[in-house]
């Protein structure tokens, strides 16, 4: 039976899943109490929500891009 050639391999999917999980962790870090009309919540300006969480999400998106562009060593030898 002929083996089908897919665009992604198992390692690509594992790296993609890891990148998505990193992005989800970044969004979870952004969560917290919000300000209402009667109460001001100063936690909306915390370092975790303003700097750390967007940085984690950014690295997660970079990891997803890397997982899409990643080629296994076997593919590099096949193309030569």
PDB file of N, CA and C in Angstrom:
ATOM      1  N   UNK A   1       0.839  -1.182   0.000  1.00  0.00           N
ATOM      2  CA  UNK A   1       0.000   0.000   0.000  1.00  0.00           C
ATOM      3  C   UNK A   1       0.880   1.239   0.000  1.00  0.00           C
ATOM      4  N   UNK A   2       0.497   2.230  -0.742  1.00  0.00           N
ATOM      5  CA  UNK A   2       1.280   3.450  -0.893  1.00  0.00           C
ATOM      6  C   UNK A   2       1.161   4.320   0.358  1.00  0.00           C
ATOM      7  N   UNK A   3       2.308   4.757   0.865  1.00  0.00           N
ATOM      8  CA  UNK A   3       2.307   5.616   2.054  1.00  0.00           C
ATOM      9  C   UNK A   3       2.011   7.051   1.634  1.00  0.00           C
ATOM     10  N   UNK A   4       1.048   7.657   2.275  1.00  0.00           N
ATOM     11  CA  UNK A   4       0.685   9.034   1.954  1.00  0.00           C
ATOM     12  C   UNK A   4       1.688   9.998   2.556  1.00  0.00           C
ATOM     13  N   UNK A   5       1.939  11.063   1.840  1.00  0.00           N
ATOM     14  CA  UNK A   5       2.869  12.093   2.306  1.00  0.00           C
ATOM     15  C   UNK A   5       2.042  13.272   2.820  1.00  0.00           C
ATOM     16  N   UNK A   6       2.090  13.493   4.127  1.00  0.00           N
ATOM     17  CA  UNK A   6       1.365  14.597   4.735  1.00  0.00           C
ATOM     18  C   UNK A   6       2.292  15.789   4.903  1.00  0.00           C
ATOM     19  N   UNK A   7       1.716  16.964   5.035  1.00  0.00           N
ATOM     20  CA  UNK A   7       2.513  18.177   5.204  1.00  0.00           C
ATOM     21  C   UNK A   7       3.201  18.193   6.563  1.00  0.00           C
ATOM     22  N   UNK A   8       2.522  17.693   7.588  1.00  0.00           N
ATOM     23  CA  UNK A   8       3.073  17.681   8.938  1.00  0.00           C
ATOM     24  C   UNK A   8       3.348  16.246   9.369  1.00  0.00           C
ATOM     25  N   UNK A   9       4.333  16.121  10.230  1.00  0.00           N
ATOM     26  CA  UNK A   9       4.608  14.827  10.841  1.00  0.00           C
ATOM     27  C   UNK A   9       4.183  14.879  12.303  1.00  0.00           C
ATOM     28  N   UNK A  10       4.409  13.785  12.993  1.00  0.00           N
ATOM     29  CA  UNK A  10       3.997  13.687  14.399  1.00  0.00           C
ATOM     30  C   UNK A  10       4.688  14.748  15.253  1.00  0.00           C
ATOM     31  N   UNK A  11       5.970  15.008  14.986  1.00  0.00           N
ATOM     32  CA  UNK A  11       6.694  16.017  15.779  1.00  0.00           C
ATOM     33  C   UNK A  11       6.119  17.404  15.571  1.00  0.00           C
ATOM     34  N   UNK A  12       5.660  17.699  14.345  1.00  0.00           N
ATOM     35  CA  UNK A  12       5.043  18.996  14.094  1.00  0.00           C
ATOM     36  C   UNK A  12       3.774  19.175  14.928  1.00  0.00           C
ATOM     37  N   UNK A  13       2.980  18.134  15.011  1.00  0.00           N
ATOM     38  CA  UNK A  13       1.746  18.214  15.782  1.00  0.00           C
ATOM     39  C   UNK A  13       2.024  18.332  17.277  1.00  0.00           C
ATOM     40  N   UNK A  14       3.039  17.652  17.749  1.00  0.00           N
ATOM     41  CA  UNK A  14       3.393  17.755  19.170  1.00  0.00           C
ATOM     42  C   UNK A  14       3.888  19.159  19.496  1.00  0.00           C
ATOM     43  N   UNK A  15       4.742  19.711  18.628  1.00  0.00           N
ATOM     44  CA  UNK A  15       5.228  21.084  18.837  1.00  0.00           C
ATOM     45  C   UNK A  15       4.092  22.089  18.744  1.00  0.00           C
ATOM     46  N   UNK A  16       3.166  21.866  17.815  1.00  0.00           N
ATOM     47  CA  UNK A  16       2.015  22.757  17.669  1.00  0.00           C
ATOM     48  C   UNK A  16       1.139  22.725  18.911  1.00  0.00           C
ATOM     49  N   UNK A  17       0.907  21.548  19.450  1.00  0.00           N
ATOM     50  CA  UNK A  17       0.113  21.422  20.669  1.00  0.00           C
ATOM     51  C   UNK A  17       0.800  22.109  21.849  1.00  0.00           C
ATOM     52  N   UNK A  18       2.125  21.967  21.935  1.00  0.00           N
ATOM     53  CA  UNK A  18       2.865  22.634  23.004  1.00  0.00           C
ATOM     54  C   UNK A  18       2.752  24.152  22.869  1.00  0.00           C
ATOM     55  N   UNK A  19       2.834  24.669  21.660  1.00  0.00           N
ATOM     56  CA  UNK A  19       2.692  26.105  21.439  1.00  0.00           C
ATOM     57  C   UNK A  19       1.310  26.613  21.819  1.00  0.00           C
ATOM     58  N   UNK A  20       0.285  25.861  21.471  1.00  0.00           N
ATOM     59  CA  UNK A  20      -1.082  26.249  21.828  1.00  0.00           C
ATOM     60  C   UNK A  20      -1.267  26.236  23.342  1.00  0.00           C
ATOM     61  N   UNK A  21      -0.678  25.260  24.014  1.00  0.00           N
ATOM     62  CA  UNK A  21      -0.770  25.217  25.482  1.00  0.00           C
ATOM     63  C   UNK A  21      -0.055  26.407  26.112  1.00  0.00           C
ATOM     64  N   UNK A  22       1.074  26.830  25.544  1.00  0.00           N
ATOM     65  CA  UNK A  22       1.776  28.011  26.053  1.00  0.00           C
ATOM     66  C   UNK A  22       0.906  29.250  25.881  1.00  0.00           C
ATOM     67  N   UNK A  23       0.227  29.365  24.750  1.00  0.00           N
ATOM     68  CA  UNK A  23      -0.673  30.502  24.518  1.00  0.00           C
ATOM     69  C   UNK A  23      -1.822  30.485  25.515  1.00  0.00           C
ATOM     70  N   UNK A  24      -2.382  29.323  25.780  1.00  0.00           N
ATOM     71  CA  UNK A  24      -3.482  29.211  26.747  1.00  0.00           C
ATOM     72  C   UNK A  24      -3.008  29.621  28.134  1.00  0.00           C
ATOM     73  N   UNK A  25      -1.798  29.212  28.518  1.00  0.00           N
ATOM     74  CA  UNK A  25      -1.248  29.627  29.816  1.00  0.00           C
ATOM     75  C   UNK A  25      -1.105  31.145  29.870  1.00  0.00           C
ATOM     76  N   UNK A  26      -0.676  31.763  28.779  1.00  0.00           N
ATOM     77  CA  UNK A  26      -0.571  33.218  28.731  1.00  0.00           C
ATOM     78  C   UNK A  26      -1.910  33.899  28.927  1.00  0.00           C
ATOM     79  N   UNK A  27      -2.950  33.378  28.292  1.00  0.00           N
ATOM     80  CA  UNK A  27      -4.270  33.968  28.461  1.00  0.00           C
ATOM     81  C   UNK A  27      -4.808  33.742  29.870  1.00  0.00           C
ATOM     82  N   UNK A  28      -4.490  32.608  30.465  1.00  0.00           N
ATOM     83  CA  UNK A  28      -4.913  32.370  31.850  1.00  0.00           C
ATOM     84  C   UNK A  28      -4.225  33.362  32.787  1.00  0.00           C
ATOM     85  N   UNK A  29      -2.948  33.655  32.499  1.00  0.00           N
ATOM     86  CA  UNK A  29      -2.236  34.639  33.323  1.00  0.00           C
ATOM     87  C   UNK A  29      -2.852  36.033  33.211  1.00  0.00           C
ATOM     88  N   UNK A  30      -3.500  36.326  32.096  1.00  0.00           N
ATOM     89  CA  UNK A  30      -4.154  37.634  31.925  1.00  0.00           C
ATOM     90  C   UNK A  30      -5.464  37.745  32.692  1.00  0.00           C
ATOM     91  N   UNK A  31      -6.020  36.623  33.086  1.00  0.00           N
ATOM     92  CA  UNK A  31      -7.317  36.636  33.776  1.00  0.00           C
ATOM     93  C   UNK A  31      -7.187  37.208  35.180  1.00  0.00           C
ATOM     94  N   UNK A  32      -8.267  37.743  35.654  1.00  0.00           N
ATOM     95  CA  UNK A  32      -8.304  38.272  37.008  1.00  0.00           C
ATOM     96  C   UNK A  32      -9.543  39.120  37.207  1.00  0.00           C
ATOM     97  N   UNK A  33      -9.652  39.698  38.380  1.00  0.00           N
ATOM     98  CA  UNK A  33     -10.831  40.532  38.651  1.00  0.00           C
ATOM     99  C   UNK A  33     -10.818  41.792  37.801  1.00  0.00           C
ATOM    100  N   UNK A  34     -11.992  42.258  37.464  1.00  0.00           N
ATOM    101  CA  UNK A  34     -12.108  43.456  36.641  1.00  0.00           C
ATOM    102  C   UNK A  34     -12.640  44.620  37.469  1.00  0.00           C
ATOM    103  N   UNK A  35     -12.482  45.801  36.932  1.00  0.00           N
ATOM    104  CA  UNK A  35     -12.976  47.007  37.574  1.00  0.00           C
ATOM    105  C   UNK A  35     -14.461  47.164  37.264  1.00  0.00           C
ATOM    106  N   UNK A  36     -15.232  47.558  38.276  1.00  0.00           N
ATOM    107  CA  UNK A  36     -16.652  47.816  38.070  1.00  0.00           C
ATOM    108  C   UNK A  36     -16.915  49.309  38.250  1.00  0.00           C
ATOM    109  N   UNK A  37     -18.157  49.697  38.091  1.00  0.00           N
ATOM    110  CA  UNK A  37     -18.507  51.115  38.237  1.00  0.00           C
ATOM    111  C   UNK A  37     -18.370  51.585  39.684  1.00  0.00           C
ATOM    112  N   UNK A  38     -18.499  50.672  40.629  1.00  0.00           N
ATOM    113  CA  UNK A  38     -18.440  51.071  42.035  1.00  0.00           C
ATOM    114  C   UNK A  38     -17.109  50.765  42.703  1.00  0.00           C
ATOM    115  N   UNK A  39     -16.287  49.932  42.071  1.00  0.00           N
ATOM    116  CA  UNK A  39     -15.040  49.515  42.707  1.00  0.00           C
ATOM    117  C   UNK A  39     -13.913  49.486  41.676  1.00  0.00           C
ATOM    118  N   UNK A  40     -12.811  50.170  41.992  1.00  0.00           N
ATOM    119  CA  UNK A  40     -11.620  50.146  41.135  1.00  0.00           C
ATOM    120  C   UNK A  40     -10.704  49.020  41.580  1.00  0.00           C
ATOM    121  N   UNK A  41     -10.314  48.192  40.653  1.00  0.00           N
ATOM    122  CA  UNK A  41      -9.423  47.069  40.942  1.00  0.00           C
ATOM    123  C   UNK A  41      -8.024  47.403  40.423  1.00  0.00           C
ATOM    124  N   UNK A  42      -7.079  47.693  41.328  1.00  0.00           N
ATOM    125  CA  UNK A  42      -5.725  48.055  40.856  1.00  0.00           C
ATOM    126  C   UNK A  42      -4.950  46.878  40.271  1.00  0.00           C
ATOM    127  N   UNK A  43      -5.452  45.654  40.435  1.00  0.00           N
ATOM    128  CA  UNK A  43      -4.771  44.471  39.912  1.00  0.00           C
ATOM    129  C   UNK A  43      -4.749  44.445  38.383  1.00  0.00           C
ATOM    130  N   UNK A  44      -5.590  45.259  37.727  1.00  0.00           N
ATOM    131  CA  UNK A  44      -5.583  45.265  36.267  1.00  0.00           C
ATOM    132  C   UNK A  44      -4.277  45.834  35.725  1.00  0.00           C
ATOM    133  N   UNK A  45      -3.527  46.537  36.541  1.00  0.00           N
ATOM    134  CA  UNK A  45      -2.238  47.082  36.123  1.00  0.00           C
ATOM    135  C   UNK A  45      -1.063  46.320  36.719  1.00  0.00           C
ATOM    136  N   UNK A  46      -1.268  45.080  37.125  1.00  0.00           N
ATOM    137  CA  UNK A  46      -0.179  44.298  37.712  1.00  0.00           C
ATOM    138  C   UNK A  46       0.822  43.874  36.638  1.00  0.00           C
ATOM    139  N   UNK A  47       2.020  43.585  37.070  1.00  0.00           N
ATOM    140  CA  UNK A  47       3.082  43.174  36.145  1.00  0.00           C
ATOM    141  C   UNK A  47       2.716  41.873  35.459  1.00  0.00           C
ATOM    142  N   UNK A  48       2.061  40.993  36.165  1.00  0.00           N
ATOM    143  CA  UNK A  48       1.664  39.705  35.593  1.00  0.00           C
ATOM    144  C   UNK A  48       0.732  39.892  34.408  1.00  0.00           C
ATOM    145  N   UNK A  49      -0.220  40.807  34.522  1.00  0.00           N
ATOM    146  CA  UNK A  49      -1.219  40.995  33.479  1.00  0.00           C
ATOM    147  C   UNK A  49      -0.754  41.916  32.359  1.00  0.00           C
ATOM    148  N   UNK A  50       0.182  42.806  32.653  1.00  0.00           N
ATOM    149  CA  UNK A  50       0.616  43.779  31.651  1.00  0.00           C
ATOM    150  C   UNK A  50       1.868  43.323  30.907  1.00  0.00           C
ATOM    151  N   UNK A  51       2.788  42.660  31.581  1.00  0.00           N
ATOM    152  CA  UNK A  51       4.073  42.309  30.951  1.00  0.00           C
ATOM    153  C   UNK A  51       4.287  40.817  30.780  1.00  0.00           C
ATOM    154  N   UNK A  52       4.052  40.043  31.825  1.00  0.00           N
ATOM    155  CA  UNK A  52       4.387  38.615  31.787  1.00  0.00           C
ATOM    156  C   UNK A  52       3.455  37.852  30.836  1.00  0.00           C
ATOM    157  N   UNK A  53       2.166  38.021  30.974  1.00  0.00           N
ATOM    158  CA  UNK A  53       1.208  37.264  30.171  1.00  0.00           C
ATOM    159  C   UNK A  53       1.332  37.545  28.673  1.00  0.00           C
ATOM    160  N   UNK A  54       1.428  38.808  28.239  1.00  0.00           N
ATOM    161  CA  UNK A  54       1.625  39.023  26.798  1.00  0.00           C
ATOM    162  C   UNK A  54       2.940  38.465  26.272  1.00  0.00           C
ATOM    163  N   UNK A  55       3.982  38.481  27.096  1.00  0.00           N
ATOM    164  CA  UNK A  55       5.260  37.909  26.684  1.00  0.00           C
ATOM    165  C   UNK A  55       5.144  36.397  26.512  1.00  0.00           C
ATOM    166  N   UNK A  56       4.448  35.739  27.438  1.00  0.00           N
ATOM    167  CA  UNK A  56       4.238  34.293  27.331  1.00  0.00           C
ATOM    168  C   UNK A  56       3.440  33.976  26.070  1.00  0.00           C
ATOM    169  N   UNK A  57       2.402  34.753  25.794  1.00  0.00           N
ATOM    170  CA  UNK A  57       1.608  34.531  24.581  1.00  0.00           C
ATOM    171  C   UNK A  57       2.450  34.749  23.330  1.00  0.00           C
ATOM    172  N   UNK A  58       3.277  35.775  23.324  1.00  0.00           N
ATOM    173  CA  UNK A  58       4.133  36.059  22.177  1.00  0.00           C
ATOM    174  C   UNK A  58       5.066  34.884  21.890  1.00  0.00           C
ATOM    175  N   UNK A  59       5.711  34.362  22.940  1.00  0.00           N
ATOM    176  CA  UNK A  59       6.591  33.218  22.745  1.00  0.00           C
ATOM    177  C   UNK A  59       5.810  31.973  22.316  1.00  0.00           C
ATOM    178  N   UNK A  60       4.573  31.856  22.784  1.00  0.00           N
ATOM    179  CA  UNK A  60       3.727  30.753  22.330  1.00  0.00           C
ATOM    180  C   UNK A  60       3.426  30.845  20.844  1.00  0.00           C
ATOM    181  N   UNK A  61       3.114  32.060  20.363  1.00  0.00           N
ATOM    182  CA  UNK A  61       2.863  32.244  18.936  1.00  0.00           C
ATOM    183  C   UNK A  61       4.131  31.992  18.113  1.00  0.00           C
ATOM    184  N   UNK A  62       5.289  32.420  18.615  1.00  0.00           N
ATOM    185  CA  UNK A  62       6.545  32.124  17.930  1.00  0.00           C
ATOM    186  C   UNK A  62       6.793  30.622  17.864  1.00  0.00           C
ATOM    187  N   UNK A  63       6.464  29.915  18.948  1.00  0.00           N
ATOM    188  CA  UNK A  63       6.638  28.463  18.986  1.00  0.00           C
ATOM    189  C   UNK A  63       5.710  27.775  17.993  1.00  0.00           C
ATOM    190  N   UNK A  64       4.492  28.303  17.837  1.00  0.00           N
ATOM    191  CA  UNK A  64       3.556  27.744  16.859  1.00  0.00           C
ATOM    192  C   UNK A  64       4.100  27.942  15.447  1.00  0.00           C
ATOM    193  N   UNK A  65       4.641  29.115  15.164  1.00  0.00           N
ATOM    194  CA  UNK A  65       5.223  29.370  13.849  1.00  0.00           C
ATOM    195  C   UNK A  65       6.396  28.425  13.602  1.00  0.00           C
ATOM    196  N   UNK A  66       7.230  28.235  14.618  1.00  0.00           N
ATOM    197  CA  UNK A  66       8.354  27.301  14.490  1.00  0.00           C
ATOM    198  C   UNK A  66       7.851  25.883  14.217  1.00  0.00           C
ATOM    199  N   UNK A  67       6.783  25.485  14.895  1.00  0.00           N
ATOM    200  CA  UNK A  67       6.273  24.123  14.701  1.00  0.00           C
ATOM    201  C   UNK A  67       5.725  23.928  13.289  1.00  0.00           C
ATOM    202  N   UNK A  68       5.203  24.981  12.686  1.00  0.00           N
ATOM    203  CA  UNK A  68       4.700  24.870  11.320  1.00  0.00           C
ATOM    204  C   UNK A  68       5.862  24.779  10.328  1.00  0.00           C
ATOM    205  N   UNK A  69       6.913  25.535  10.564  1.00  0.00           N
ATOM    206  CA  UNK A  69       8.046  25.574   9.641  1.00  0.00           C
ATOM    207  C   UNK A  69       9.063  24.460   9.868  1.00  0.00           C
ATOM    208  N   UNK A  70       8.953  23.733  10.970  1.00  0.00           N
ATOM    209  CA  UNK A  70       9.924  22.693  11.329  1.00  0.00           C
ATOM    210  C   UNK A  70       9.881  21.532  10.331  1.00  0.00           C
ATOM    211  N   UNK A  71      11.069  21.152   9.860  1.00  0.00           N
ATOM    212  CA  UNK A  71      11.187  19.994   8.984  1.00  0.00           C
ATOM    213  C   UNK A  71      12.078  18.969   9.652  1.00  0.00           C
ATOM    214  N   UNK A  72      11.695  17.718   9.538  1.00  0.00           N
ATOM    215  CA  UNK A  72      12.495  16.672  10.146  1.00  0.00           C
ATOM    216  C   UNK A  72      13.775  16.439   9.335  1.00  0.00           C
ATOM    217  N   UNK A  73      14.739  15.774   9.925  1.00  0.00           N
ATOM    218  CA  UNK A  73      16.009  15.516   9.260  1.00  0.00           C
ATOM    219  C   UNK A  73      15.824  14.620   8.045  1.00  0.00           C
ATOM    220  N   UNK A  74      14.858  13.733   8.092  1.00  0.00           N
ATOM    221  CA  UNK A  74      14.585  12.859   6.961  1.00  0.00           C
ATOM    222  C   UNK A  74      14.095  13.627   5.732  1.00  0.00           C
ATOM    223  N   UNK A  75      13.307  14.671   5.941  1.00  0.00           N
ATOM    224  CA  UNK A  75      12.822  15.494   4.827  1.00  0.00           C
ATOM    225  C   UNK A  75      13.956  16.253   4.162  1.00  0.00           C
ATOM    226  N   UNK A  76      14.917  16.706   4.941  1.00  0.00           N
ATOM    227  CA  UNK A  76      16.034  17.463   4.371  1.00  0.00           C
ATOM    228  C   UNK A  76      16.864  16.581   3.453  1.00  0.00           C
ATOM    229  N   UNK A  77      17.048  15.315   3.800  1.00  0.00           N
ATOM    230  CA  UNK A  77      17.833  14.397   2.985  1.00  0.00           C
ATOM    231  C   UNK A  77      17.074  13.989   1.727  1.00  0.00           C
ATOM    232  N   UNK A  78      15.743  13.911   1.817  1.00  0.00           N
ATOM    233  CA  UNK A  78      14.933  13.517   0.662  1.00  0.00           C
ATOM    234  C   UNK A  78      14.963  14.571  -0.439  1.00  0.00           C
ATOM    235  N   UNK A  79      15.042  15.848  -0.054  1.00  0.00           N
ATOM    236  CA  UNK A  79      15.005  16.937  -1.021  1.00  0.00           C
ATOM    237  C   UNK A  79      16.332  17.135  -1.731  1.00  0.00           C
ATOM    238  N   UNK A  80      17.416  16.628  -1.195  1.00  0.00           N
ATOM    239  CA  UNK A  80      18.726  16.841  -1.818  1.00  0.00           C
ATOM    240  C   UNK A  80      19.001  15.856  -2.917  1.00  0.00           C
TER     241      UNK A  80
END
